[in-house]
């Protein structure tokens, strides 16, 4: 029996509509800025998507751009100015930084005021999550949790395997899912490049989250029948086709529910970023 397809695009539209209603009712105009360093076309497109989503939600977006070879001091000064701007409630820096940029990404995200850290990458934000008192959590992990909740897929008490340990997704998601809180409280296994046999772990999982950035790396023989598979991968194949980390056609014949790529987790990332911006503005 084919898996149920989890429609992230439809769920993200619901989330964004709810945020727009909250913003309209609040009388507050949340302000958002995505600092873009360099002129990478993919980054330009992604920033444009976020700005468009902010505008649709009744938020104000501010354009801040710096050249690819900008020095760290200039970046930190720009962030300091945004920290002090009362019209800006949410700040993020488009990562990765271009190769021409000599700045340390850690220092860059550490300079963001934790109260405006809507990307959840400031060391204080990451530390608060680690001790079980999260403030802002990166948008993609939030999106995964929201997808599961709105799809009525229980997490509490279940075994979740997360593949990938990035600071933007795998690591914070593994912590978030294991928090002792209603709707979470899962048993989480975090697999990565140092894991000798990932399939040994995934075959025991009730929920698999693939977030390693390796096309087709989760195959049907790695999935327990009826398991939920959340694919966070975004990989460009020769010819331009976008696929996830999961062998979708084969795995969808085994899994109980699965997210497609595109149209699964991706739309949730932008939607949950808007949730974080609204929170930062007190909406």
C-alpha atoms as a PDB file:
ATOM      1  CA  UNK A   1       0.000   0.000   0.000  1.00  0.00           C
ATOM      2  CA  UNK A   2       1.416   3.398  -0.986  1.00  0.00           C
ATOM      3  CA  UNK A   3       2.264   5.864   1.764  1.00  0.00           C
ATOM      4  CA  UNK A   4       0.112   8.835   2.648  1.00  0.00           C
ATOM      5  CA  UNK A   5       1.674  11.954   1.146  1.00  0.00           C
ATOM      6  CA  UNK A   6       2.166  14.769   3.667  1.00  0.00           C
ATOM      7  CA  UNK A   7       1.373  17.988   1.783  1.00  0.00           C
ATOM      8  CA  UNK A   8       3.784  20.544   3.203  1.00  0.00           C
ATOM      9  CA  UNK A   9       2.709  23.183   0.725  1.00  0.00           C
ATOM     10  CA  UNK A  10      -0.897  23.054   1.945  1.00  0.00           C
ATOM     11  CA  UNK A  11       0.071  23.004   5.629  1.00  0.00           C
ATOM     12  CA  UNK A  12       2.481  25.911   5.135  1.00  0.00           C
ATOM     13  CA  UNK A  13      -0.321  27.901   3.493  1.00  0.00           C
ATOM     14  CA  UNK A  14      -2.468  27.314   6.589  1.00  0.00           C
ATOM     15  CA  UNK A  15       0.321  28.485   8.900  1.00  0.00           C
ATOM     16  CA  UNK A  16       0.988  31.599   6.830  1.00  0.00           C
ATOM     17  CA  UNK A  17      -2.719  32.477   6.711  1.00  0.00           C
ATOM     18  CA  UNK A  18      -2.940  32.165  10.498  1.00  0.00           C
ATOM     19  CA  UNK A  19       0.086  34.423  10.954  1.00  0.00           C
ATOM     20  CA  UNK A  20      -1.365  37.018   8.585  1.00  0.00           C
ATOM     21  CA  UNK A  21      -4.587  37.044  10.626  1.00  0.00           C
ATOM     22  CA  UNK A  22      -2.669  37.447  13.886  1.00  0.00           C
ATOM     23  CA  UNK A  23      -0.582  40.291  12.491  1.00  0.00           C
ATOM     24  CA  UNK A  24      -3.652  42.060  11.106  1.00  0.00           C
ATOM     25  CA  UNK A  25      -5.450  41.779  14.434  1.00  0.00           C
ATOM     26  CA  UNK A  26      -2.453  42.931  16.478  1.00  0.00           C
ATOM     27  CA  UNK A  27      -1.964  46.383  15.014  1.00  0.00           C
ATOM     28  CA  UNK A  28       1.788  45.674  14.996  1.00  0.00           C
ATOM     29  CA  UNK A  29       3.929  45.588  11.857  1.00  0.00           C
ATOM     30  CA  UNK A  30       6.715  43.066  12.462  1.00  0.00           C
ATOM     31  CA  UNK A  31       9.935  44.055  10.714  1.00  0.00           C
ATOM     32  CA  UNK A  32      12.241  41.500   9.152  1.00  0.00           C
ATOM     33  CA  UNK A  33      15.654  41.656   7.488  1.00  0.00           C
ATOM     34  CA  UNK A  34      17.657  38.907   5.793  1.00  0.00           C
ATOM     35  CA  UNK A  35      21.196  40.220   5.413  1.00  0.00           C
ATOM     36  CA  UNK A  36      22.530  39.077   2.034  1.00  0.00           C
ATOM     37  CA  UNK A  37      26.282  39.053   1.516  1.00  0.00           C
ATOM     38  CA  UNK A  38      27.341  38.709  -2.115  1.00  0.00           C
ATOM     39  CA  UNK A  39      25.135  38.106  -5.138  1.00  0.00           C
ATOM     40  CA  UNK A  40      24.709  34.347  -5.381  1.00  0.00           C
ATOM     41  CA  UNK A  41      21.605  33.769  -7.569  1.00  0.00           C
ATOM     42  CA  UNK A  42      20.241  30.954  -5.400  1.00  0.00           C
ATOM     43  CA  UNK A  43      20.608  33.065  -2.259  1.00  0.00           C
ATOM     44  CA  UNK A  44      19.013  36.035  -4.028  1.00  0.00           C
ATOM     45  CA  UNK A  45      16.033  33.862  -4.953  1.00  0.00           C
ATOM     46  CA  UNK A  46      15.663  32.460  -1.441  1.00  0.00           C
ATOM     47  CA  UNK A  47      15.833  35.908   0.159  1.00  0.00           C
ATOM     48  CA  UNK A  48      13.209  37.094  -2.319  1.00  0.00           C
ATOM     49  CA  UNK A  49      10.906  34.231  -1.294  1.00  0.00           C
ATOM     50  CA  UNK A  50      11.226  35.155   2.370  1.00  0.00           C
ATOM     51  CA  UNK A  51      10.632  38.835   1.684  1.00  0.00           C
ATOM     52  CA  UNK A  52       7.544  38.008  -0.366  1.00  0.00           C
ATOM     53  CA  UNK A  53       6.209  35.800   2.436  1.00  0.00           C
ATOM     54  CA  UNK A  54       6.795  38.573   4.981  1.00  0.00           C
ATOM     55  CA  UNK A  55       4.914  41.068   2.830  1.00  0.00           C
ATOM     56  CA  UNK A  56       1.999  38.655   2.360  1.00  0.00           C
ATOM     57  CA  UNK A  57       1.812  38.264   6.153  1.00  0.00           C
ATOM     58  CA  UNK A  58       1.541  42.020   6.672  1.00  0.00           C
ATOM     59  CA  UNK A  59       5.147  42.395   7.760  1.00  0.00           C
ATOM     60  CA  UNK A  60       7.751  44.905   6.656  1.00  0.00           C
ATOM     61  CA  UNK A  61      10.974  43.623   5.105  1.00  0.00           C
ATOM     62  CA  UNK A  62      14.173  45.624   4.904  1.00  0.00           C
ATOM     63  CA  UNK A  63      16.797  45.180   2.211  1.00  0.00           C
ATOM     64  CA  UNK A  64      20.332  44.902   3.576  1.00  0.00           C
ATOM     65  CA  UNK A  65      23.137  43.789   1.252  1.00  0.00           C
ATOM     66  CA  UNK A  66      26.908  43.757   1.465  1.00  0.00           C
ATOM     67  CA  UNK A  67      29.558  42.828  -1.130  1.00  0.00           C
ATOM     68  CA  UNK A  68      30.924  39.270  -1.195  1.00  0.00           C
ATOM     69  CA  UNK A  69      34.385  40.314   0.006  1.00  0.00           C
ATOM     70  CA  UNK A  70      33.155  42.468   2.896  1.00  0.00           C
ATOM     71  CA  UNK A  71      35.273  42.279   6.057  1.00  0.00           C
ATOM     72  CA  UNK A  72      33.991  40.939   9.354  1.00  0.00           C
ATOM     73  CA  UNK A  73      34.098  44.319  11.115  1.00  0.00           C
ATOM     74  CA  UNK A  74      31.698  45.817   8.566  1.00  0.00           C
ATOM     75  CA  UNK A  75      29.297  42.905   8.905  1.00  0.00           C
ATOM     76  CA  UNK A  76      29.301  43.184  12.701  1.00  0.00           C
ATOM     77  CA  UNK A  77      28.722  46.934  12.498  1.00  0.00           C
ATOM     78  CA  UNK A  78      25.776  46.384  10.143  1.00  0.00           C
ATOM     79  CA  UNK A  79      24.274  43.822  12.516  1.00  0.00           C
ATOM     80  CA  UNK A  80      24.783  46.158  15.475  1.00  0.00           C
ATOM     81  CA  UNK A  81      22.827  48.864  13.660  1.00  0.00           C
ATOM     82  CA  UNK A  82      20.004  46.414  12.925  1.00  0.00           C
ATOM     83  CA  UNK A  83      19.996  45.258  16.551  1.00  0.00           C
ATOM     84  CA  UNK A  84      19.376  48.862  17.590  1.00  0.00           C
ATOM     85  CA  UNK A  85      16.693  49.595  14.978  1.00  0.00           C
ATOM     86  CA  UNK A  86      13.255  49.481  16.677  1.00  0.00           C
ATOM     87  CA  UNK A  87      11.511  48.813  13.343  1.00  0.00           C
ATOM     88  CA  UNK A  88      13.402  45.546  12.900  1.00  0.00           C
ATOM     89  CA  UNK A  89      12.176  42.669  15.064  1.00  0.00           C
ATOM     90  CA  UNK A  90      13.806  39.750  13.271  1.00  0.00           C
ATOM     91  CA  UNK A  91      17.319  39.402  11.829  1.00  0.00           C
ATOM     92  CA  UNK A  92      19.005  36.594   9.986  1.00  0.00           C
ATOM     93  CA  UNK A  93      22.086  36.328   7.804  1.00  0.00           C
ATOM     94  CA  UNK A  94      21.843  34.331   4.597  1.00  0.00           C
ATOM     95  CA  UNK A  95      24.260  31.398   4.956  1.00  0.00           C
ATOM     96  CA  UNK A  96      26.639  30.051   3.842  1.00  0.00           C
ATOM     97  CA  UNK A  97      28.775  33.139   3.452  1.00  0.00           C
ATOM     98  CA  UNK A  98      30.461  33.473   0.044  1.00  0.00           C
ATOM     99  CA  UNK A  99      33.973  32.062  -0.233  1.00  0.00           C
ATOM    100  CA  UNK A 100      35.317  35.584  -0.813  1.00  0.00           C
ATOM    101  CA  UNK A 101      34.078  36.687   2.614  1.00  0.00           C
ATOM    102  CA  UNK A 102      36.775  36.405   5.339  1.00  0.00           C
ATOM    103  CA  UNK A 103      34.303  36.643   8.220  1.00  0.00           C
ATOM    104  CA  UNK A 104      33.820  33.826  10.738  1.00  0.00           C
ATOM    105  CA  UNK A 105      30.164  32.674  10.469  1.00  0.00           C
ATOM    106  CA  UNK A 106      30.111  31.899  14.193  1.00  0.00           C
ATOM    107  CA  UNK A 107      31.031  35.495  15.058  1.00  0.00           C
ATOM    108  CA  UNK A 108      28.474  36.791  12.585  1.00  0.00           C
ATOM    109  CA  UNK A 109      25.490  34.912  14.041  1.00  0.00           C
ATOM    110  CA  UNK A 110      26.766  35.533  17.588  1.00  0.00           C
ATOM    111  CA  UNK A 111      26.465  39.275  16.933  1.00  0.00           C
ATOM    112  CA  UNK A 112      22.697  39.065  16.395  1.00  0.00           C
ATOM    113  CA  UNK A 113      20.629  40.184  19.382  1.00  0.00           C
ATOM    114  CA  UNK A 114      19.136  36.935  20.805  1.00  0.00           C
ATOM    115  CA  UNK A 115      15.764  38.724  21.036  1.00  0.00           C
ATOM    116  CA  UNK A 116      15.869  39.182  17.230  1.00  0.00           C
ATOM    117  CA  UNK A 117      17.523  35.868  16.346  1.00  0.00           C
ATOM    118  CA  UNK A 118      14.635  34.455  14.288  1.00  0.00           C
ATOM    119  CA  UNK A 119      16.940  31.918  12.624  1.00  0.00           C
ATOM    120  CA  UNK A 120      17.835  30.418  16.023  1.00  0.00           C
ATOM    121  CA  UNK A 121      21.574  30.262  15.307  1.00  0.00           C
ATOM    122  CA  UNK A 122      22.941  32.623  17.950  1.00  0.00           C
ATOM    123  CA  UNK A 123      24.925  30.570  20.515  1.00  0.00           C
ATOM    124  CA  UNK A 124      22.518  31.689  23.230  1.00  0.00           C
ATOM    125  CA  UNK A 125      19.526  30.429  21.223  1.00  0.00           C
ATOM    126  CA  UNK A 126      21.254  27.105  20.614  1.00  0.00           C
ATOM    127  CA  UNK A 127      22.237  26.846  24.278  1.00  0.00           C
ATOM    128  CA  UNK A 128      18.719  27.577  25.542  1.00  0.00           C
ATOM    129  CA  UNK A 129      17.381  24.817  23.315  1.00  0.00           C
ATOM    130  CA  UNK A 130      20.038  22.424  24.612  1.00  0.00           C
ATOM    131  CA  UNK A 131      19.016  23.017  28.239  1.00  0.00           C
ATOM    132  CA  UNK A 132      15.328  22.598  27.440  1.00  0.00           C
ATOM    133  CA  UNK A 133      14.278  26.246  27.542  1.00  0.00           C
ATOM    134  CA  UNK A 134      14.079  27.183  23.853  1.00  0.00           C
ATOM    135  CA  UNK A 135      13.581  30.756  22.750  1.00  0.00           C
ATOM    136  CA  UNK A 136      13.982  30.797  18.968  1.00  0.00           C
ATOM    137  CA  UNK A 137      14.476  27.476  17.170  1.00  0.00           C
ATOM    138  CA  UNK A 138      15.659  27.263  13.543  1.00  0.00           C
ATOM    139  CA  UNK A 139      12.698  27.323  11.165  1.00  0.00           C
ATOM    140  CA  UNK A 140      13.206  23.958   9.464  1.00  0.00           C
ATOM    141  CA  UNK A 141      13.173  21.896  12.695  1.00  0.00           C
ATOM    142  CA  UNK A 142      10.081  23.833  13.748  1.00  0.00           C
ATOM    143  CA  UNK A 143       8.576  23.057  10.365  1.00  0.00           C
ATOM    144  CA  UNK A 144       9.195  19.331  10.784  1.00  0.00           C
ATOM    145  CA  UNK A 145       7.482  19.323  14.188  1.00  0.00           C
ATOM    146  CA  UNK A 146       4.573  21.366  12.811  1.00  0.00           C
ATOM    147  CA  UNK A 147       4.156  18.969   9.865  1.00  0.00           C
ATOM    148  CA  UNK A 148       3.993  16.001  12.213  1.00  0.00           C
ATOM    149  CA  UNK A 149       1.544  17.688  14.572  1.00  0.00           C
ATOM    150  CA  UNK A 150      -0.823  18.936  11.863  1.00  0.00           C
ATOM    151  CA  UNK A 151      -0.675  15.574  10.125  1.00  0.00           C
ATOM    152  CA  UNK A 152      -1.733  13.950  13.428  1.00  0.00           C
ATOM    153  CA  UNK A 153       1.411  11.848  13.598  1.00  0.00           C
ATOM    154  CA  UNK A 154       2.272  11.223  17.274  1.00  0.00           C
ATOM    155  CA  UNK A 155       5.849  11.797  18.380  1.00  0.00           C
ATOM    156  CA  UNK A 156       5.756  11.253  22.137  1.00  0.00           C
ATOM    157  CA  UNK A 157       7.274   7.944  23.177  1.00  0.00           C
ATOM    158  CA  UNK A 158       8.232   6.979  19.640  1.00  0.00           C
ATOM    159  CA  UNK A 159      11.667   6.234  18.221  1.00  0.00           C
ATOM    160  CA  UNK A 160      12.884   8.932  15.824  1.00  0.00           C
ATOM    161  CA  UNK A 161      16.062   8.650  13.773  1.00  0.00           C
ATOM    162  CA  UNK A 162      17.489  11.941  12.485  1.00  0.00           C
ATOM    163  CA  UNK A 163      20.114  11.620   9.758  1.00  0.00           C
ATOM    164  CA  UNK A 164      22.401  14.656   9.721  1.00  0.00           C
ATOM    165  CA  UNK A 165      23.824  16.839  12.491  1.00  0.00           C
ATOM    166  CA  UNK A 166      23.959  20.369  11.045  1.00  0.00           C
ATOM    167  CA  UNK A 167      23.433  23.271  13.449  1.00  0.00           C
ATOM    168  CA  UNK A 168      20.609  24.525  11.246  1.00  0.00           C
ATOM    169  CA  UNK A 169      18.612  21.312  11.136  1.00  0.00           C
ATOM    170  CA  UNK A 170      19.728  17.889  12.381  1.00  0.00           C
ATOM    171  CA  UNK A 171      21.216  18.797  15.747  1.00  0.00           C
ATOM    172  CA  UNK A 172      18.507  21.247  16.898  1.00  0.00           C
ATOM    173  CA  UNK A 173      15.765  18.928  15.621  1.00  0.00           C
ATOM    174  CA  UNK A 174      17.160  15.993  17.598  1.00  0.00           C
ATOM    175  CA  UNK A 175      17.129  18.117  20.757  1.00  0.00           C
ATOM    176  CA  UNK A 176      13.692  19.590  20.057  1.00  0.00           C
ATOM    177  CA  UNK A 177      12.060  16.191  19.515  1.00  0.00           C
ATOM    178  CA  UNK A 178      13.555  14.823  22.747  1.00  0.00           C
ATOM    179  CA  UNK A 179      12.417  17.697  24.979  1.00  0.00           C
ATOM    180  CA  UNK A 180      10.271  16.648  27.913  1.00  0.00           C
ATOM    181  CA  UNK A 181       7.199  18.484  26.676  1.00  0.00           C
ATOM    182  CA  UNK A 182       3.700  17.557  25.481  1.00  0.00           C
ATOM    183  CA  UNK A 183       3.742  16.369  21.888  1.00  0.00           C
ATOM    184  CA  UNK A 184       7.517  15.831  21.896  1.00  0.00           C
ATOM    185  CA  UNK A 185       9.378  13.581  24.371  1.00  0.00           C
ATOM    186  CA  UNK A 186      10.586  11.126  21.733  1.00  0.00           C
ATOM    187  CA  UNK A 187      13.529   8.748  21.905  1.00  0.00           C
ATOM    188  CA  UNK A 188      15.939  10.163  19.346  1.00  0.00           C
ATOM    189  CA  UNK A 189      18.908   8.605  17.577  1.00  0.00           C
ATOM    190  CA  UNK A 190      21.149  11.065  15.725  1.00  0.00           C
ATOM    191  CA  UNK A 191      23.012   9.480  12.801  1.00  0.00           C
ATOM    192  CA  UNK A 192      25.738  11.151  10.751  1.00  0.00           C
ATOM    193  CA  UNK A 193      28.815  10.500   8.617  1.00  0.00           C
ATOM    194  CA  UNK A 194      30.472   8.723  11.539  1.00  0.00           C
ATOM    195  CA  UNK A 195      27.623   6.223  11.941  1.00  0.00           C
ATOM    196  CA  UNK A 196      28.825   2.836  10.709  1.00  0.00           C
ATOM    197  CA  UNK A 197      25.477   1.376   9.632  1.00  0.00           C
ATOM    198  CA  UNK A 198      22.687   3.940   9.412  1.00  0.00           C
ATOM    199  CA  UNK A 199      20.232   1.331   8.156  1.00  0.00           C
ATOM    200  CA  UNK A 200      20.646  -0.632  11.381  1.00  0.00           C
ATOM    201  CA  UNK A 201      19.127   2.344  13.201  1.00  0.00           C
ATOM    202  CA  UNK A 202      16.530   3.455  10.651  1.00  0.00           C
ATOM    203  CA  UNK A 203      14.995  -0.018  10.379  1.00  0.00           C
ATOM    204  CA  UNK A 204      13.985   0.284  14.043  1.00  0.00           C
ATOM    205  CA  UNK A 205      12.606   3.806  13.708  1.00  0.00           C
ATOM    206  CA  UNK A 206       8.964   4.851  13.874  1.00  0.00           C
ATOM    207  CA  UNK A 207       9.910   8.168  12.261  1.00  0.00           C
ATOM    208  CA  UNK A 208      12.897   8.881  10.012  1.00  0.00           C
ATOM    209  CA  UNK A 209      14.037  12.428   9.284  1.00  0.00           C
ATOM    210  CA  UNK A 210      16.517  12.584   6.424  1.00  0.00           C
ATOM    211  CA  UNK A 211      18.636  15.741   6.621  1.00  0.00           C
ATOM    212  CA  UNK A 212      22.084  14.763   5.372  1.00  0.00           C
ATOM    213  CA  UNK A 213      22.037  16.407   1.942  1.00  0.00           C
ATOM    214  CA  UNK A 214      22.736  13.231  -0.018  1.00  0.00           C
ATOM    215  CA  UNK A 215      20.373  12.389  -2.870  1.00  0.00           C
ATOM    216  CA  UNK A 216      18.609   9.038  -2.602  1.00  0.00           C
ATOM    217  CA  UNK A 217      20.615   7.946   0.423  1.00  0.00           C
ATOM    218  CA  UNK A 218      17.577   6.581   2.294  1.00  0.00           C
ATOM    219  CA  UNK A 219      16.451   3.482   0.428  1.00  0.00           C
ATOM    220  CA  UNK A 220      13.477   1.160   0.854  1.00  0.00           C
ATOM    221  CA  UNK A 221      15.499  -1.518   2.650  1.00  0.00           C
ATOM    222  CA  UNK A 222      16.315   1.041   5.383  1.00  0.00           C
ATOM    223  CA  UNK A 223      12.664   1.688   6.283  1.00  0.00           C
ATOM    224  CA  UNK A 224      10.397  -0.279   8.600  1.00  0.00           C
ATOM    225  CA  UNK A 225       6.979  -0.949   7.045  1.00  0.00           C
ATOM    226  CA  UNK A 226       4.562   1.776   8.110  1.00  0.00           C
ATOM    227  CA  UNK A 227       7.236   4.190   9.334  1.00  0.00           C
ATOM    228  CA  UNK A 228       6.885   7.931   8.765  1.00  0.00           C
ATOM    229  CA  UNK A 229       9.592   9.408   6.532  1.00  0.00           C
ATOM    230  CA  UNK A 230      10.300  13.152   6.548  1.00  0.00           C
ATOM    231  CA  UNK A 231      12.643  14.210   3.755  1.00  0.00           C
ATOM    232  CA  UNK A 232      14.485  17.484   4.413  1.00  0.00           C
ATOM    233  CA  UNK A 233      16.958  17.045   1.566  1.00  0.00           C
ATOM    234  CA  UNK A 234      17.214  19.410  -1.383  1.00  0.00           C
ATOM    235  CA  UNK A 235      19.597  18.133  -4.030  1.00  0.00           C
ATOM    236  CA  UNK A 236      19.997  19.327  -7.613  1.00  0.00           C
ATOM    237  CA  UNK A 237      20.589  16.571 -10.147  1.00  0.00           C
ATOM    238  CA  UNK A 238      22.271  17.073 -13.514  1.00  0.00           C
ATOM    239  CA  UNK A 239      19.600  18.600 -15.711  1.00  0.00           C
ATOM    240  CA  UNK A 240      18.177  20.708 -12.870  1.00  0.00           C
ATOM    241  CA  UNK A 241      15.715  18.292 -11.238  1.00  0.00           C
ATOM    242  CA  UNK A 242      15.380  18.697  -7.458  1.00  0.00           C
ATOM    243  CA  UNK A 243      15.206  15.554  -5.318  1.00  0.00           C
ATOM    244  CA  UNK A 244      15.430  14.801  -1.623  1.00  0.00           C
ATOM    245  CA  UNK A 245      17.587  12.465   0.436  1.00  0.00           C
ATOM    246  CA  UNK A 246      14.989   9.696   0.140  1.00  0.00           C
ATOM    247  CA  UNK A 247      14.415   7.332  -2.779  1.00  0.00           C
ATOM    248  CA  UNK A 248      10.820   8.538  -2.921  1.00  0.00           C
ATOM    249  CA  UNK A 249       9.286   6.057  -5.381  1.00  0.00           C
ATOM    250  CA  UNK A 250      10.622   2.972  -3.602  1.00  0.00           C
ATOM    251  CA  UNK A 251      10.252   4.205  -0.024  1.00  0.00           C
ATOM    252  CA  UNK A 252       6.679   5.415  -0.572  1.00  0.00           C
ATOM    253  CA  UNK A 253       5.699   1.764  -1.169  1.00  0.00           C
ATOM    254  CA  UNK A 254       6.984   0.839   2.302  1.00  0.00           C
ATOM    255  CA  UNK A 255       6.362   3.878   4.509  1.00  0.00           C
ATOM    256  CA  UNK A 256       3.094   4.788   6.175  1.00  0.00           C
ATOM    257  CA  UNK A 257       3.506   8.496   5.422  1.00  0.00           C
ATOM    258  CA  UNK A 258       6.120  10.484   3.540  1.00  0.00           C
ATOM    259  CA  UNK A 259       6.927  14.048   2.512  1.00  0.00           C
ATOM    260  CA  UNK A 260       7.693  14.783  -1.142  1.00  0.00           C
ATOM    261  CA  UNK A 261      10.509  16.934  -2.504  1.00  0.00           C
ATOM    262  CA  UNK A 262       9.625  19.546  -3.532  1.00  0.00           C
ATOM    263  CA  UNK A 263       6.412  20.388  -1.676  1.00  0.00           C
ATOM    264  CA  UNK A 264       7.144  18.836   1.706  1.00  0.00           C
ATOM    265  CA  UNK A 265       9.425  20.384   4.315  1.00  0.00           C
ATOM    266  CA  UNK A 266      10.664  23.253   2.115  1.00  0.00           C
ATOM    267  CA  UNK A 267       7.510  25.425   2.250  1.00  0.00           C
ATOM    268  CA  UNK A 268       7.357  24.929   6.026  1.00  0.00           C
ATOM    269  CA  UNK A 269      10.752  26.563   6.518  1.00  0.00           C
ATOM    270  CA  UNK A 270       9.561  29.941   5.229  1.00  0.00           C
ATOM    271  CA  UNK A 271       6.226  29.617   7.052  1.00  0.00           C
ATOM    272  CA  UNK A 272       7.868  28.912  10.405  1.00  0.00           C
ATOM    273  CA  UNK A 273      10.332  31.743   9.887  1.00  0.00           C
ATOM    274  CA  UNK A 274       7.298  34.032   9.699  1.00  0.00           C
ATOM    275  CA  UNK A 275       6.064  32.464  12.963  1.00  0.00           C
ATOM    276  CA  UNK A 276       9.394  33.348  14.590  1.00  0.00           C
ATOM    277  CA  UNK A 277       9.309  36.922  13.253  1.00  0.00           C
ATOM    278  CA  UNK A 278       5.791  37.399  14.596  1.00  0.00           C
ATOM    279  CA  UNK A 279       6.910  36.057  17.998  1.00  0.00           C
ATOM    280  CA  UNK A 280       9.870  38.416  18.030  1.00  0.00           C
ATOM    281  CA  UNK A 281       7.476  41.328  17.484  1.00  0.00           C
ATOM    282  CA  UNK A 282       5.207  40.145  20.287  1.00  0.00           C
ATOM    283  CA  UNK A 283       2.411  39.035  17.980  1.00  0.00           C
END
